[in-house]
Amino acid sequence: MNQSIQFPELEWWDEARQSVCFSAQANGFQLTCAISGGELLRRFHAQGDALTCFRLNRWELEDQAERAIQHQQEDDQGWVWLSSDK
């Protein structure tokens, strides 16, 4: 893992965005990463709670977020969105 990107174990459900969000720190900057609940449950063939699904698959999702951060794939608000086409 790239030492300049860290993922504290801090994740939450964002009701307005219907997404699981999680924090990342890259080169001293705070970023927010997110994946929609529907995408998360589809990707891991899960049912039920998206937040639990995230926690069970944290390492894979953090790896994807790390690659997105390294490729500077933040949106205009500085968020990194994970999707199946990444």
Protein backbone atom coordinates (compact mmCIF):
# COMPACT_ATOMS: atom_id res chain seq x y z
CA MET A 1 0.00 0.00 0.00
CA ASN A 2 1.17 3.50 -0.83
CA GLN A 3 2.26 5.04 2.47
CA SER A 4 1.01 8.47 1.45
CA ILE A 5 -2.62 7.23 1.24
CA GLN A 6 -4.29 6.10 4.43
CA PHE A 7 -7.82 4.95 5.18
CA PRO A 8 -8.97 5.41 8.77
CA GLU A 9 -11.75 3.03 9.74
CA LEU A 10 -14.39 5.71 9.40
CA GLU A 11 -17.35 4.97 7.17
CA TRP A 12 -20.95 6.16 7.20
CA TRP A 13 -24.20 5.90 5.31
CA ASP A 14 -25.16 9.11 3.50
CA GLU A 15 -28.95 9.02 3.21
CA ALA A 16 -29.14 11.92 0.74
CA ARG A 17 -26.69 10.26 -1.66
CA GLN A 18 -27.83 6.69 -0.88
CA SER A 19 -24.14 5.82 -0.61
CA VAL A 20 -21.53 4.49 1.76
CA CYS A 21 -18.87 7.14 2.29
CA PHE A 22 -15.42 6.68 3.78
CA SER A 23 -12.45 8.89 4.52
CA ALA A 24 -9.00 8.87 3.00
CA GLN A 25 -5.91 10.92 3.68
CA ALA A 26 -3.59 11.46 0.73
CA ASN A 27 -0.41 13.48 1.13
CA GLY A 28 -1.90 15.28 4.11
CA PHE A 29 -5.22 16.08 2.42
CA GLN A 30 -8.58 14.75 3.59
CA LEU A 31 -10.70 13.15 0.86
CA THR A 32 -14.12 11.55 0.88
CA CYS A 33 -14.62 8.36 -1.09
CA ALA A 34 -18.04 6.92 -1.85
CA ILE A 35 -19.88 4.10 -3.54
CA SER A 36 -23.62 3.91 -4.05
CA GLY A 37 -25.44 1.37 -1.93
CA GLY A 38 -26.97 -0.27 -5.00
CA GLU A 39 -23.59 -0.59 -6.74
CA LEU A 40 -22.04 -2.03 -3.60
CA LEU A 41 -24.72 -4.68 -3.13
CA ARG A 42 -24.67 -5.61 -6.85
CA ARG A 43 -20.89 -5.87 -6.98
CA PHE A 44 -20.67 -8.26 -4.04
CA HIS A 45 -23.94 -10.11 -4.72
CA ALA A 46 -25.16 -9.09 -1.27
CA GLN A 47 -28.54 -8.36 0.19
CA GLY A 48 -29.49 -6.11 3.04
CA ASP A 49 -27.32 -3.47 4.62
CA ALA A 50 -24.85 -1.67 2.35
CA LEU A 51 -22.75 -0.48 5.30
CA THR A 52 -22.22 -4.07 6.49
CA CYS A 53 -21.36 -5.10 2.93
CA PHE A 54 -18.78 -2.30 2.79
CA ARG A 55 -17.19 -3.44 6.04
CA LEU A 56 -16.95 -7.03 4.81
CA ASN A 57 -15.25 -5.91 1.58
CA ARG A 58 -13.28 -2.94 2.89
CA TRP A 59 -9.84 -4.00 1.60
CA GLU A 60 -10.94 -4.43 -2.00
CA LEU A 61 -12.78 -1.10 -1.99
CA GLU A 62 -9.87 0.73 -0.40
CA ASP A 63 -7.57 -0.72 -3.07
CA GLN A 64 -9.86 0.64 -5.77
CA ALA A 65 -10.06 4.01 -4.04
CA GLU A 66 -6.27 4.11 -3.73
CA ARG A 67 -5.90 3.60 -7.49
CA ALA A 68 -8.50 6.30 -8.19
CA ILE A 69 -6.72 8.74 -5.88
CA GLN A 70 -3.36 7.99 -7.49
CA HIS A 71 -4.93 8.76 -10.89
CA GLN A 72 -6.50 11.96 -9.52
CA GLN A 73 -10.06 10.87 -10.25
CA GLU A 74 -11.71 13.24 -7.78
CA ASP A 75 -14.88 15.04 -8.86
CA ASP A 76 -15.38 18.82 -8.66
CA GLN A 77 -16.15 18.58 -4.92
CA GLY A 78 -13.02 16.52 -4.23
CA TRP A 79 -14.93 13.24 -3.81
CA VAL A 80 -13.71 9.92 -5.21
CA TRP A 81 -16.65 7.85 -6.47
CA LEU A 82 -16.17 4.12 -6.99
CA SER A 83 -18.11 2.44 -9.75
CA SER A 84 -17.98 -0.81 -11.68
CA ASP A 85 -16.32 0.81 -14.70
CA LYS A 86 -13.20 1.83 -12.77
